[in-house]
Amino acid sequence: MKHQRSPLASVTIHTALILGAVVMVFPLLWMLVTSIKTITEATIIPPTLWPDVPQWQNWMDVLIGDGVLQTFFHTLLIALLALALQLLTSSTGAYAFARLTFPGRDRIFLMFMASLMVPTFVTLIPTYLIAQKLSLLDSYTGILLPYFFTPFGVFLLRQSFMQIPRELEESIVMDGGSYFTRFCIADAAIVPVSAAGAGGVFLYGSLERSALAHDCGGFA
């Protein structure tokens, strides 16, 4: 028998959810309202809930005058290029760890995964110094090269490759297929299986690359 909540419990839960939503949304709304105020209205105490005359021109001044659009497209370009490189390196590395047999494979994979415990920002100064020594500052190469692969992507795609039946690859071998052919077919096979995971990696990588492109703007 399905348990039904009492009216009081439903009211309490919905009230708590509404209050939580207000707490989450209010800062965003306040930011938008403040952006169309004058400097006097934005700093006055007590604050006003709505400006006397909305200053919509503030948005145009920021987008055009302060180079926000240029910075946005610059960050977008870096993030997309890094993600494309990560997809290439992660898929090939994952296939090697999942399907190829070579001495020390599992130990190397464990060492590879141990790098996930190192915070990204711990490596910023060493990365900057290396880029400086290689004369890669103020270039796209300087910011893309250190971050063109991700252990997290290798780990996730490796798990997806391991779910593919080996019989599929054995049939490719019987037909005379090479390692490259086997990799391409396996890569195509995991797309429908790991679409959600790949989407998660894409979003995670996008956020990480965007943050790095913003914080390490001096590299490129």
N, C-alpha and C. Protein backbone atom coordinates (compact mmCIF):
# COMPACT_ATOMS: atom_id res chain seq x y z
N MET A 1 0.84 -1.20 0.00
CA MET A 1 0.00 0.00 0.00
C MET A 1 0.88 1.25 0.00
N LYS A 2 0.57 2.16 -0.88
CA LYS A 2 1.37 3.36 -1.01
C LYS A 2 1.13 4.28 0.17
N HIS A 3 2.26 4.74 0.76
CA HIS A 3 2.17 5.63 1.91
C HIS A 3 1.85 7.04 1.45
N GLN A 4 0.91 7.67 2.09
CA GLN A 4 0.51 9.04 1.74
C GLN A 4 0.91 9.98 2.87
N ARG A 5 1.49 11.11 2.46
CA ARG A 5 1.87 12.11 3.46
C ARG A 5 0.63 12.83 3.99
N SER A 6 0.75 13.27 5.20
CA SER A 6 -0.31 14.08 5.77
C SER A 6 -0.27 15.47 5.16
N PRO A 7 -1.37 16.19 5.16
CA PRO A 7 -1.37 17.56 4.61
C PRO A 7 -0.34 18.47 5.26
N LEU A 8 -0.15 18.31 6.58
CA LEU A 8 0.83 19.15 7.28
C LEU A 8 2.25 18.87 6.79
N ALA A 9 2.57 17.57 6.58
CA ALA A 9 3.90 17.22 6.09
C ALA A 9 4.13 17.77 4.68
N SER A 10 3.12 17.68 3.82
CA SER A 10 3.25 18.21 2.45
C SER A 10 3.47 19.72 2.46
N VAL A 11 2.71 20.42 3.30
CA VAL A 11 2.86 21.88 3.39
C VAL A 11 4.25 22.23 3.90
N THR A 12 4.73 21.50 4.89
CA THR A 12 6.06 21.77 5.45
C THR A 12 7.15 21.56 4.41
N ILE A 13 7.07 20.44 3.68
CA ILE A 13 8.08 20.12 2.68
C ILE A 13 8.08 21.15 1.55
N HIS A 14 6.89 21.49 1.06
CA HIS A 14 6.82 22.46 -0.03
C HIS A 14 7.26 23.85 0.41
N THR A 15 6.96 24.22 1.65
CA THR A 15 7.41 25.51 2.17
C THR A 15 8.93 25.56 2.24
N ALA A 16 9.53 24.47 2.72
CA ALA A 16 10.99 24.42 2.81
C ALA A 16 11.62 24.48 1.42
N LEU A 17 11.02 23.80 0.45
CA LEU A 17 11.55 23.83 -0.91
C LEU A 17 11.43 25.21 -1.53
N ILE A 18 10.32 25.88 -1.29
CA ILE A 18 10.13 27.23 -1.83
C ILE A 18 11.12 28.20 -1.21
N LEU A 19 11.33 28.09 0.09
CA LEU A 19 12.30 28.96 0.76
C LEU A 19 13.71 28.71 0.23
N GLY A 20 14.03 27.44 0.02
CA GLY A 20 15.35 27.11 -0.54
C GLY A 20 15.52 27.67 -1.94
N ALA A 21 14.44 27.59 -2.74
CA ALA A 21 14.51 28.14 -4.11
C ALA A 21 14.70 29.65 -4.07
N VAL A 22 14.01 30.33 -3.15
CA VAL A 22 14.14 31.78 -3.04
C VAL A 22 15.57 32.15 -2.65
N VAL A 23 16.14 31.42 -1.70
CA VAL A 23 17.51 31.69 -1.26
C VAL A 23 18.49 31.51 -2.42
N MET A 24 18.26 30.51 -3.28
CA MET A 24 19.15 30.25 -4.40
C MET A 24 18.99 31.27 -5.53
N VAL A 25 17.76 31.69 -5.78
CA VAL A 25 17.48 32.55 -6.93
C VAL A 25 17.66 34.03 -6.61
N PHE A 26 17.42 34.43 -5.37
CA PHE A 26 17.45 35.84 -5.01
C PHE A 26 18.77 36.53 -5.35
N PRO A 27 19.96 35.94 -5.03
CA PRO A 27 21.21 36.62 -5.40
C PRO A 27 21.34 36.87 -6.89
N LEU A 28 20.86 35.94 -7.72
CA LEU A 28 20.93 36.13 -9.16
C LEU A 28 20.02 37.27 -9.61
N LEU A 29 18.81 37.30 -9.07
CA LEU A 29 17.90 38.39 -9.41
C LEU A 29 18.44 39.73 -8.93
N TRP A 30 19.02 39.74 -7.73
CA TRP A 30 19.58 40.99 -7.20
C TRP A 30 20.74 41.48 -8.06
N MET A 31 21.54 40.55 -8.55
CA MET A 31 22.65 40.92 -9.42
C MET A 31 22.14 41.56 -10.70
N LEU A 32 21.09 40.98 -11.30
CA LEU A 32 20.53 41.53 -12.53
C LEU A 32 19.92 42.90 -12.30
N VAL A 33 19.20 43.06 -11.19
CA VAL A 33 18.59 44.36 -10.90
C VAL A 33 19.67 45.41 -10.65
N THR A 34 20.70 45.05 -9.90
CA THR A 34 21.78 45.99 -9.60
C THR A 34 22.51 46.42 -10.86
N SER A 35 22.56 45.53 -11.85
CA SER A 35 23.30 45.85 -13.08
C SER A 35 22.64 46.95 -13.89
N ILE A 36 21.37 47.22 -13.65
CA ILE A 36 20.69 48.28 -14.40
C ILE A 36 20.44 49.52 -13.54
N LYS A 37 21.16 49.61 -12.41
CA LYS A 37 21.06 50.78 -11.56
C LYS A 37 22.20 51.74 -11.85
N THR A 38 22.02 52.97 -11.40
CA THR A 38 23.14 53.92 -11.43
C THR A 38 24.07 53.59 -10.26
N ILE A 39 25.26 54.17 -10.27
CA ILE A 39 26.22 53.91 -9.19
C ILE A 39 25.65 54.35 -7.85
N THR A 40 24.95 55.48 -7.84
CA THR A 40 24.35 55.98 -6.60
C THR A 40 23.30 55.01 -6.08
N GLU A 41 22.43 54.52 -6.96
CA GLU A 41 21.38 53.58 -6.54
C GLU A 41 21.97 52.24 -6.11
N ALA A 42 23.07 51.84 -6.71
CA ALA A 42 23.67 50.54 -6.38
C ALA A 42 24.37 50.57 -5.03
N THR A 43 24.79 51.75 -4.56
CA THR A 43 25.55 51.83 -3.31
C THR A 43 24.77 52.47 -2.17
N ILE A 44 23.56 52.93 -2.44
CA ILE A 44 22.79 53.60 -1.41
C ILE A 44 22.33 52.63 -0.33
N ILE A 45 22.25 53.10 0.90
CA ILE A 45 21.76 52.31 2.04
C ILE A 45 20.64 53.08 2.70
N PRO A 46 19.46 52.47 2.88
CA PRO A 46 19.08 51.11 2.47
C PRO A 46 18.93 51.00 0.95
N PRO A 47 19.17 49.82 0.41
CA PRO A 47 19.13 49.65 -1.05
C PRO A 47 17.70 49.74 -1.59
N THR A 48 17.61 50.10 -2.84
CA THR A 48 16.31 50.15 -3.51
C THR A 48 16.08 48.84 -4.26
N LEU A 49 14.83 48.40 -4.30
CA LEU A 49 14.51 47.14 -4.95
C LEU A 49 14.50 47.26 -6.47
N TRP A 50 14.19 48.47 -6.97
CA TRP A 50 14.14 48.66 -8.42
C TRP A 50 14.58 50.08 -8.74
N PRO A 51 15.38 50.28 -9.76
CA PRO A 51 15.86 51.63 -10.08
C PRO A 51 14.73 52.53 -10.57
N ASP A 52 14.88 53.83 -10.35
CA ASP A 52 13.89 54.78 -10.84
C ASP A 52 13.82 54.75 -12.36
N VAL A 53 14.99 54.74 -12.98
CA VAL A 53 15.08 54.64 -14.44
C VAL A 53 16.08 53.53 -14.77
N PRO A 54 15.62 52.39 -15.26
CA PRO A 54 16.55 51.28 -15.57
C PRO A 54 17.62 51.71 -16.58
N GLN A 55 18.86 51.45 -16.24
CA GLN A 55 19.98 51.84 -17.10
C GLN A 55 20.38 50.65 -17.99
N TRP A 56 19.57 50.38 -19.01
CA TRP A 56 19.86 49.25 -19.90
C TRP A 56 21.16 49.45 -20.67
N GLN A 57 21.58 50.69 -20.78
CA GLN A 57 22.82 50.98 -21.50
C GLN A 57 24.03 50.38 -20.78
N ASN A 58 23.89 50.10 -19.48
CA ASN A 58 25.00 49.50 -18.72
C ASN A 58 25.45 48.19 -19.36
N TRP A 59 24.49 47.39 -19.80
CA TRP A 59 24.84 46.10 -20.41
C TRP A 59 25.60 46.30 -21.71
N MET A 60 25.17 47.24 -22.52
CA MET A 60 25.86 47.49 -23.79
C MET A 60 27.27 48.03 -23.53
N ASP A 61 27.41 48.89 -22.51
CA ASP A 61 28.73 49.44 -22.20
C ASP A 61 29.70 48.34 -21.79
N VAL A 62 29.20 47.37 -21.03
CA VAL A 62 30.06 46.27 -20.58
C VAL A 62 30.43 45.37 -21.74
N LEU A 63 29.43 45.00 -22.55
CA LEU A 63 29.68 44.06 -23.65
C LEU A 63 30.59 44.63 -24.72
N ILE A 64 30.40 45.92 -25.02
CA ILE A 64 31.15 46.53 -26.11
C ILE A 64 32.42 47.22 -25.60
N GLY A 65 32.28 47.99 -24.54
CA GLY A 65 33.40 48.80 -24.10
C GLY A 65 34.49 48.05 -23.35
N ASP A 66 34.14 47.03 -22.56
CA ASP A 66 35.12 46.36 -21.71
C ASP A 66 35.67 45.07 -22.31
N GLY A 67 35.35 44.78 -23.55
CA GLY A 67 35.90 43.59 -24.19
C GLY A 67 35.38 42.27 -23.67
N VAL A 68 34.16 42.27 -23.11
CA VAL A 68 33.60 41.03 -22.57
C VAL A 68 33.35 40.01 -23.66
N LEU A 69 32.82 40.46 -24.79
CA LEU A 69 32.55 39.53 -25.89
C LEU A 69 33.84 38.90 -26.41
N GLN A 70 34.88 39.70 -26.53
CA GLN A 70 36.16 39.17 -27.00
C GLN A 70 36.70 38.13 -26.01
N THR A 71 36.59 38.43 -24.71
CA THR A 71 37.04 37.49 -23.70
C THR A 71 36.21 36.21 -23.72
N PHE A 72 34.90 36.36 -23.94
CA PHE A 72 34.01 35.19 -23.98
C PHE A 72 34.39 34.26 -25.13
N PHE A 73 34.54 34.81 -26.32
CA PHE A 73 34.89 33.98 -27.47
C PHE A 73 36.30 33.40 -27.35
N HIS A 74 37.19 34.16 -26.72
CA HIS A 74 38.54 33.66 -26.48
C HIS A 74 38.49 32.44 -25.56
N THR A 75 37.72 32.55 -24.48
CA THR A 75 37.57 31.43 -23.55
C THR A 75 36.88 30.25 -24.21
N LEU A 76 35.85 30.52 -25.01
CA LEU A 76 35.12 29.46 -25.70
C LEU A 76 36.04 28.70 -26.66
N LEU A 77 36.87 29.43 -27.38
CA LEU A 77 37.79 28.78 -28.33
C LEU A 77 38.77 27.88 -27.61
N ILE A 78 39.34 28.36 -26.52
CA ILE A 78 40.30 27.56 -25.76
C ILE A 78 39.64 26.33 -25.18
N ALA A 79 38.44 26.49 -24.63
CA ALA A 79 37.73 25.36 -24.03
C ALA A 79 37.40 24.29 -25.08
N LEU A 80 36.91 24.70 -26.25
CA LEU A 80 36.53 23.73 -27.28
C LEU A 80 37.75 23.01 -27.85
N LEU A 81 38.84 23.74 -28.07
CA LEU A 81 40.05 23.10 -28.57
C LEU A 81 40.60 22.10 -27.57
N ALA A 82 40.61 22.49 -26.29
CA ALA A 82 41.11 21.58 -25.26
C ALA A 82 40.23 20.34 -25.15
N LEU A 83 38.91 20.51 -25.25
CA LEU A 83 38.01 19.37 -25.17
C LEU A 83 38.18 18.43 -26.35
N ALA A 84 38.40 18.99 -27.54
CA ALA A 84 38.62 18.15 -28.71
C ALA A 84 39.91 17.33 -28.55
N LEU A 85 40.97 17.96 -28.06
CA LEU A 85 42.22 17.24 -27.83
C LEU A 85 42.05 16.19 -26.74
N GLN A 86 41.29 16.53 -25.69
CA GLN A 86 41.07 15.58 -24.61
C GLN A 86 40.30 14.36 -25.10
N LEU A 87 39.32 14.58 -25.96
CA LEU A 87 38.56 13.45 -26.50
C LEU A 87 39.47 12.50 -27.26
N LEU A 88 40.39 13.05 -28.05
CA LEU A 88 41.31 12.22 -28.82
C LEU A 88 42.26 11.45 -27.91
N THR A 89 42.90 12.15 -26.98
CA THR A 89 43.88 11.48 -26.13
C THR A 89 43.22 10.55 -25.12
N SER A 90 42.06 10.92 -24.60
CA SER A 90 41.38 10.07 -23.62
C SER A 90 40.89 8.78 -24.25
N SER A 91 40.34 8.86 -25.45
CA SER A 91 39.82 7.65 -26.10
C SER A 91 40.94 6.68 -26.47
N THR A 92 42.04 7.20 -27.00
CA THR A 92 43.15 6.31 -27.35
C THR A 92 43.80 5.72 -26.11
N GLY A 93 44.01 6.53 -25.08
CA GLY A 93 44.59 6.02 -23.84
C GLY A 93 43.68 5.01 -23.17
N ALA A 94 42.38 5.29 -23.16
CA ALA A 94 41.43 4.37 -22.53
C ALA A 94 41.39 3.03 -23.26
N TYR A 95 41.45 3.07 -24.58
CA TYR A 95 41.44 1.81 -25.35
C TYR A 95 42.69 0.98 -25.05
N ALA A 96 43.83 1.66 -24.92
CA ALA A 96 45.06 0.93 -24.62
C ALA A 96 44.99 0.26 -23.25
N PHE A 97 44.47 0.97 -22.24
CA PHE A 97 44.38 0.39 -20.91
C PHE A 97 43.30 -0.70 -20.83
N ALA A 98 42.28 -0.60 -21.66
CA ALA A 98 41.18 -1.55 -21.59
C ALA A 98 41.41 -2.81 -22.41
N ARG A 99 42.10 -2.70 -23.56
CA ARG A 99 42.16 -3.81 -24.49
C ARG A 99 43.56 -4.34 -24.76
N LEU A 100 44.57 -3.49 -24.73
CA LEU A 100 45.92 -3.94 -25.04
C LEU A 100 46.58 -4.56 -23.81
N THR A 101 47.44 -5.51 -24.04
CA THR A 101 48.18 -6.18 -22.96
C THR A 101 49.65 -5.85 -23.11
N PHE A 102 50.22 -5.25 -22.07
CA PHE A 102 51.64 -4.91 -22.07
C PHE A 102 52.13 -4.93 -20.63
N PRO A 103 53.43 -5.11 -20.41
CA PRO A 103 53.97 -5.23 -19.06
C PRO A 103 53.69 -3.98 -18.21
N GLY A 104 53.19 -4.20 -16.99
CA GLY A 104 52.94 -3.10 -16.07
C GLY A 104 51.72 -2.27 -16.39
N ARG A 105 50.81 -2.81 -17.20
CA ARG A 105 49.65 -2.02 -17.62
C ARG A 105 48.83 -1.54 -16.42
N ASP A 106 48.49 -2.46 -15.51
CA ASP A 106 47.63 -2.08 -14.39
C ASP A 106 48.34 -1.14 -13.42
N ARG A 107 49.64 -1.35 -13.21
CA ARG A 107 50.38 -0.45 -12.33
C ARG A 107 50.47 0.95 -12.92
N ILE A 108 50.71 1.00 -14.21
CA ILE A 108 50.77 2.31 -14.87
C ILE A 108 49.42 3.01 -14.77
N PHE A 109 48.33 2.22 -14.93
CA PHE A 109 46.99 2.82 -14.84
C PHE A 109 46.73 3.36 -13.44
N LEU A 110 47.16 2.62 -12.40
CA LEU A 110 46.97 3.09 -11.03
C LEU A 110 47.78 4.36 -10.78
N MET A 111 48.99 4.42 -11.29
CA MET A 111 49.80 5.64 -11.16
C MET A 111 49.15 6.79 -11.91
N PHE A 112 48.57 6.47 -13.05
CA PHE A 112 47.88 7.47 -13.85
C PHE A 112 46.68 8.02 -13.08
N MET A 113 45.92 7.12 -12.44
CA MET A 113 44.76 7.56 -11.68
C MET A 113 45.15 8.32 -10.41
N ALA A 114 46.35 8.05 -9.89
CA ALA A 114 46.79 8.76 -8.69
C ALA A 114 46.93 10.26 -8.95
N SER A 115 47.14 10.62 -10.20
CA SER A 115 47.27 12.05 -10.53
C SER A 115 45.96 12.79 -10.32
N LEU A 116 44.84 12.06 -10.22
CA LEU A 116 43.55 12.72 -9.96
C LEU A 116 43.53 13.36 -8.58
N MET A 117 44.37 12.87 -7.68
CA MET A 117 44.40 13.41 -6.32
C MET A 117 45.19 14.71 -6.23
N VAL A 118 45.87 15.09 -7.31
CA VAL A 118 46.65 16.33 -7.31
C VAL A 118 45.76 17.47 -7.80
N PRO A 119 45.47 18.47 -6.96
CA PRO A 119 44.63 19.60 -7.41
C PRO A 119 45.26 20.31 -8.61
N THR A 120 44.42 20.71 -9.52
CA THR A 120 44.90 21.36 -10.74
C THR A 120 45.71 22.62 -10.45
N PHE A 121 45.25 23.40 -9.48
CA PHE A 121 45.90 24.69 -9.23
C PHE A 121 47.25 24.55 -8.55
N VAL A 122 47.55 23.34 -8.03
CA VAL A 122 48.88 23.11 -7.47
C VAL A 122 49.94 23.14 -8.57
N THR A 123 49.53 22.78 -9.78
CA THR A 123 50.48 22.69 -10.89
C THR A 123 50.58 23.98 -11.71
N LEU A 124 49.86 25.01 -11.32
CA LEU A 124 49.85 26.23 -12.14
C LEU A 124 51.22 26.88 -12.24
N ILE A 125 51.90 27.05 -11.10
CA ILE A 125 53.21 27.72 -11.12
C ILE A 125 54.24 26.89 -11.87
N PRO A 126 54.35 25.56 -11.60
CA PRO A 126 55.29 24.77 -12.42
C PRO A 126 54.95 24.81 -13.91
N THR A 127 53.66 24.77 -14.22
CA THR A 127 53.26 24.83 -15.64
C THR A 127 53.67 26.16 -16.26
N TYR A 128 53.48 27.24 -15.52
CA TYR A 128 53.87 28.56 -16.03
C TYR A 128 55.37 28.63 -16.27
N LEU A 129 56.15 28.10 -15.33
CA LEU A 129 57.61 28.15 -15.47
C LEU A 129 58.07 27.33 -16.67
N ILE A 130 57.44 26.16 -16.87
CA ILE A 130 57.80 25.34 -18.03
C ILE A 130 57.44 26.06 -19.32
N ALA A 131 56.26 26.66 -19.36
CA ALA A 131 55.85 27.41 -20.56
C ALA A 131 56.79 28.57 -20.82
N GLN A 132 57.27 29.19 -19.75
CA GLN A 132 58.20 30.30 -19.90
C GLN A 132 59.53 29.81 -20.47
N LYS A 133 60.03 28.68 -19.97
CA LYS A 133 61.29 28.13 -20.47
C LYS A 133 61.19 27.72 -21.94
N LEU A 134 60.00 27.25 -22.35
CA LEU A 134 59.81 26.81 -23.73
C LEU A 134 59.34 27.93 -24.66
N SER A 135 59.29 29.16 -24.11
CA SER A 135 58.86 30.33 -24.89
C SER A 135 57.45 30.14 -25.45
N LEU A 136 56.55 29.61 -24.61
CA LEU A 136 55.17 29.38 -25.03
C LEU A 136 54.19 30.36 -24.40
N LEU A 137 54.71 31.36 -23.70
CA LEU A 137 53.81 32.36 -23.12
C LEU A 137 53.16 33.19 -24.23
N ASP A 138 51.98 33.73 -23.92
CA ASP A 138 51.23 34.55 -24.88
C ASP A 138 50.94 33.79 -26.17
N SER A 139 50.57 32.51 -26.02
CA SER A 139 50.23 31.70 -27.19
C SER A 139 49.16 30.69 -26.80
N TYR A 140 48.40 30.26 -27.80
CA TYR A 140 47.39 29.22 -27.54
C TYR A 140 48.06 27.90 -27.16
N THR A 141 49.20 27.63 -27.74
CA THR A 141 49.90 26.38 -27.43
C THR A 141 50.27 26.33 -25.95
N GLY A 142 50.66 27.46 -25.40
CA GLY A 142 51.07 27.49 -24.00
C GLY A 142 49.97 27.14 -23.03
N ILE A 143 48.73 27.43 -23.38
CA ILE A 143 47.62 27.10 -22.48
C ILE A 143 46.95 25.79 -22.83
N LEU A 144 47.03 25.36 -24.09
CA LEU A 144 46.40 24.11 -24.50
C LEU A 144 47.26 22.89 -24.20
N LEU A 145 48.56 23.01 -24.39
CA LEU A 145 49.44 21.85 -24.28
C LEU A 145 49.40 21.18 -22.90
N PRO A 146 49.42 21.93 -21.78
CA PRO A 146 49.42 21.26 -20.48
C PRO A 146 48.10 20.58 -20.14
N TYR A 147 47.02 20.96 -20.81
CA TYR A 147 45.70 20.47 -20.40
C TYR A 147 44.99 19.72 -21.53
N PHE A 148 45.75 19.15 -22.45
CA PHE A 148 45.09 18.51 -23.58
C PHE A 148 44.69 17.07 -23.27
N PHE A 149 44.99 16.59 -22.08
CA PHE A 149 44.47 15.29 -21.70
C PHE A 149 44.07 15.27 -20.25
N THR A 150 43.14 14.39 -19.90
CA THR A 150 42.59 14.34 -18.55
C THR A 150 42.50 12.91 -18.06
N PRO A 151 43.05 12.60 -16.89
CA PRO A 151 42.92 11.25 -16.33
C PRO A 151 41.47 10.83 -16.11
N PHE A 152 40.63 11.80 -15.76
CA PHE A 152 39.22 11.48 -15.53
C PHE A 152 38.55 10.96 -16.80
N GLY A 153 38.85 11.58 -17.94
CA GLY A 153 38.29 11.11 -19.20
C GLY A 153 38.79 9.73 -19.56
N VAL A 154 40.08 9.47 -19.32
CA VAL A 154 40.64 8.14 -19.60
C VAL A 154 39.95 7.09 -18.74
N PHE A 155 39.76 7.40 -17.46
CA PHE A 155 39.11 6.45 -16.55
C PHE A 155 37.69 6.15 -17.00
N LEU A 156 36.92 7.18 -17.33
CA LEU A 156 35.53 6.97 -17.70
C LEU A 156 35.41 6.18 -19.00
N LEU A 157 36.20 6.54 -20.00
CA LEU A 157 36.12 5.86 -21.29
C LEU A 157 36.68 4.44 -21.20
N ARG A 158 37.64 4.23 -20.34
CA ARG A 158 38.15 2.86 -20.14
C ARG A 158 37.05 1.94 -19.64
N GLN A 159 36.26 2.44 -18.70
CA GLN A 159 35.15 1.62 -18.19
C GLN A 159 34.15 1.32 -19.31
N SER A 160 33.95 2.27 -20.20
CA SER A 160 33.02 2.05 -21.30
C SER A 160 33.57 1.03 -22.29
N PHE A 161 34.87 1.12 -22.59
CA PHE A 161 35.49 0.15 -23.50
C PHE A 161 35.42 -1.26 -22.94
N MET A 162 35.57 -1.38 -21.62
CA MET A 162 35.57 -2.71 -21.01
C MET A 162 34.19 -3.36 -21.04
N GLN A 163 33.15 -2.56 -21.27
CA GLN A 163 31.80 -3.12 -21.36
C GLN A 163 31.50 -3.71 -22.74
N ILE A 164 32.34 -3.40 -23.72
CA ILE A 164 32.12 -3.92 -25.08
C ILE A 164 32.56 -5.38 -25.13
N PRO A 165 31.72 -6.29 -25.62
CA PRO A 165 32.11 -7.71 -25.69
C PRO A 165 33.36 -7.91 -26.54
N ARG A 166 34.25 -8.76 -26.04
CA ARG A 166 35.47 -9.05 -26.79
C ARG A 166 35.17 -9.79 -28.10
N GLU A 167 34.02 -10.46 -28.16
CA GLU A 167 33.66 -11.16 -29.38
C GLU A 167 33.59 -10.22 -30.57
N LEU A 168 33.18 -8.95 -30.30
CA LEU A 168 33.10 -7.97 -31.38
C LEU A 168 34.48 -7.73 -31.99
N GLU A 169 35.48 -7.57 -31.13
CA GLU A 169 36.83 -7.35 -31.64
C GLU A 169 37.40 -8.62 -32.27
N GLU A 170 37.06 -9.78 -31.73
CA GLU A 170 37.56 -11.02 -32.32
C GLU A 170 37.03 -11.21 -33.74
N SER A 171 35.78 -10.79 -33.96
CA SER A 171 35.24 -10.89 -35.31
C SER A 171 35.95 -9.93 -36.26
N ILE A 172 36.37 -8.76 -35.73
CA ILE A 172 37.12 -7.81 -36.55
C ILE A 172 38.48 -8.40 -36.92
N VAL A 173 39.12 -9.08 -35.96
CA VAL A 173 40.42 -9.69 -36.21
C VAL A 173 40.30 -10.79 -37.27
N MET A 174 39.23 -11.58 -37.17
CA MET A 174 39.03 -12.65 -38.15
C MET A 174 38.83 -12.08 -39.55
N ASP A 175 38.30 -10.86 -39.63
CA ASP A 175 38.12 -10.22 -40.94
C ASP A 175 39.37 -9.48 -41.40
N GLY A 176 40.45 -9.59 -40.61
CA GLY A 176 41.70 -8.95 -41.00
C GLY A 176 41.82 -7.51 -40.57
N GLY A 177 41.03 -7.10 -39.59
CA GLY A 177 41.07 -5.71 -39.13
C GLY A 177 42.31 -5.43 -38.31
N SER A 178 42.82 -4.21 -38.38
CA SER A 178 43.99 -3.78 -37.62
C SER A 178 43.56 -3.24 -36.26
N TYR A 179 44.57 -2.87 -35.43
CA TYR A 179 44.26 -2.26 -34.14
C TYR A 179 43.49 -0.96 -34.33
N PHE A 180 43.84 -0.22 -35.38
CA PHE A 180 43.15 1.05 -35.62
C PHE A 180 41.69 0.80 -35.96
N THR A 181 41.43 -0.23 -36.79
CA THR A 181 40.04 -0.56 -37.14
C THR A 181 39.26 -0.99 -35.91
N ARG A 182 39.91 -1.81 -35.08
CA ARG A 182 39.24 -2.26 -33.85
C ARG A 182 38.94 -1.08 -32.94
N PHE A 183 39.88 -0.16 -32.85
CA PHE A 183 39.67 1.02 -32.00
C PHE A 183 38.52 1.87 -32.53
N CYS A 184 38.47 2.09 -33.84
CA CYS A 184 37.42 2.92 -34.42
C CYS A 184 36.04 2.31 -34.21
N ILE A 185 35.94 1.00 -34.39
CA ILE A 185 34.64 0.34 -34.20
C ILE A 185 34.25 0.34 -32.72
N ALA A 186 35.23 0.10 -31.86
CA ALA A 186 34.93 0.14 -30.42
C ALA A 186 34.53 1.53 -29.99
N ASP A 187 35.22 2.53 -30.54
CA ASP A 187 34.90 3.92 -30.21
C ASP A 187 33.48 4.27 -30.64
N ALA A 188 33.06 3.76 -31.80
CA ALA A 188 31.70 4.02 -32.27
C ALA A 188 30.68 3.26 -31.43
N ALA A 189 31.08 2.11 -30.89
CA ALA A 189 30.14 1.29 -30.13
C ALA A 189 29.82 1.90 -28.77
N ILE A 190 30.75 2.65 -28.19
CA ILE A 190 30.50 3.17 -26.84
C ILE A 190 29.69 4.45 -26.85
N VAL A 191 29.52 5.05 -28.02
CA VAL A 191 28.80 6.33 -28.07
C VAL A 191 27.39 6.20 -27.50
N PRO A 192 26.57 5.24 -27.98
CA PRO A 192 25.24 5.14 -27.38
C PRO A 192 25.25 4.61 -25.95
N VAL A 193 26.29 3.86 -25.59
CA VAL A 193 26.34 3.28 -24.25
C VAL A 193 26.69 4.32 -23.21
N SER A 194 27.62 5.20 -23.55
CA SER A 194 28.13 6.14 -22.55
C SER A 194 27.81 7.59 -22.90
N ALA A 195 26.68 7.81 -23.56
CA ALA A 195 26.34 9.18 -23.95
C ALA A 195 26.19 10.08 -22.72
N ALA A 196 25.55 9.57 -21.67
CA ALA A 196 25.37 10.38 -20.46
C ALA A 196 26.72 10.67 -19.80
N GLY A 197 27.55 9.64 -19.72
CA GLY A 197 28.87 9.85 -19.12
C GLY A 197 29.72 10.80 -19.93
N ALA A 198 29.68 10.65 -21.26
CA ALA A 198 30.45 11.55 -22.11
C ALA A 198 29.95 12.98 -21.98
N GLY A 199 28.62 13.13 -21.85
CA GLY A 199 28.08 14.47 -21.63
C GLY A 199 28.55 15.06 -20.32
N GLY A 200 28.63 14.22 -19.29
CA GLY A 200 29.15 14.69 -18.00
C GLY A 200 30.60 15.12 -18.09
N VAL A 201 31.40 14.33 -18.81
CA VAL A 201 32.81 14.70 -19.01
C VAL A 201 32.90 16.00 -19.78
N PHE A 202 32.04 16.16 -20.78
CA PHE A 202 32.06 17.39 -21.59
C PHE A 202 31.75 18.60 -20.72
N LEU A 203 30.71 18.50 -19.87
CA LEU A 203 30.36 19.63 -19.02
C LEU A 203 31.45 19.91 -17.99
N TYR A 204 31.96 18.84 -17.38
CA TYR A 204 33.02 19.00 -16.38
C TYR A 204 34.26 19.62 -17.02
N GLY A 205 34.62 19.09 -18.19
CA GLY A 205 35.79 19.63 -18.89
C GLY A 205 35.58 21.06 -19.33
N SER A 206 34.35 21.39 -19.75
CA SER A 206 34.07 22.77 -20.18
C SER A 206 34.25 23.74 -19.03
N LEU A 207 33.72 23.38 -17.87
CA LEU A 207 33.85 24.25 -16.71
C LEU A 207 35.31 24.40 -16.29
N GLU A 208 36.02 23.27 -16.27
CA GLU A 208 37.42 23.30 -15.87
C GLU A 208 38.27 24.10 -16.83
N ARG A 209 38.07 23.87 -18.12
CA ARG A 209 38.86 24.59 -19.12
C ARG A 209 38.51 26.08 -19.12
N SER A 210 37.23 26.41 -18.92
CA SER A 210 36.84 27.81 -18.90
C SER A 210 37.48 28.51 -17.71
N ALA A 211 37.49 27.83 -16.57
CA ALA A 211 38.10 28.43 -15.37
C ALA A 211 39.60 28.62 -15.58
N LEU A 212 40.24 27.65 -16.19
CA LEU A 212 41.68 27.77 -16.43
C LEU A 212 41.96 28.87 -17.45
N ALA A 213 41.12 28.95 -18.48
CA ALA A 213 41.32 29.99 -19.49
C ALA A 213 41.18 31.38 -18.87
N HIS A 214 40.28 31.50 -17.88
CA HIS A 214 40.09 32.79 -17.20
C HIS A 214 41.24 33.09 -16.23
N ASP A 215 41.58 32.07 -15.39
CA ASP A 215 42.59 32.28 -14.36
C ASP A 215 44.01 32.32 -14.92
N CYS A 216 44.21 31.66 -16.05
CA CYS A 216 45.56 31.60 -16.63
C CYS A 216 45.61 32.41 -17.90
N GLY A 217 44.89 33.51 -17.93
CA GLY A 217 44.83 34.31 -19.14
C GLY A 217 46.18 34.80 -19.61
N GLY A 218 47.16 34.85 -18.71
CA GLY A 218 48.47 35.30 -19.12
C GLY A 218 49.22 34.31 -19.95
N PHE A 219 48.78 33.03 -19.98
CA PHE A 219 49.46 32.02 -20.77
C PHE A 219 49.18 32.22 -22.25
N ALA A 220 47.98 32.74 -22.57
CA ALA A 220 47.59 32.80 -23.98
C ALA A 220 47.18 34.20 -24.35
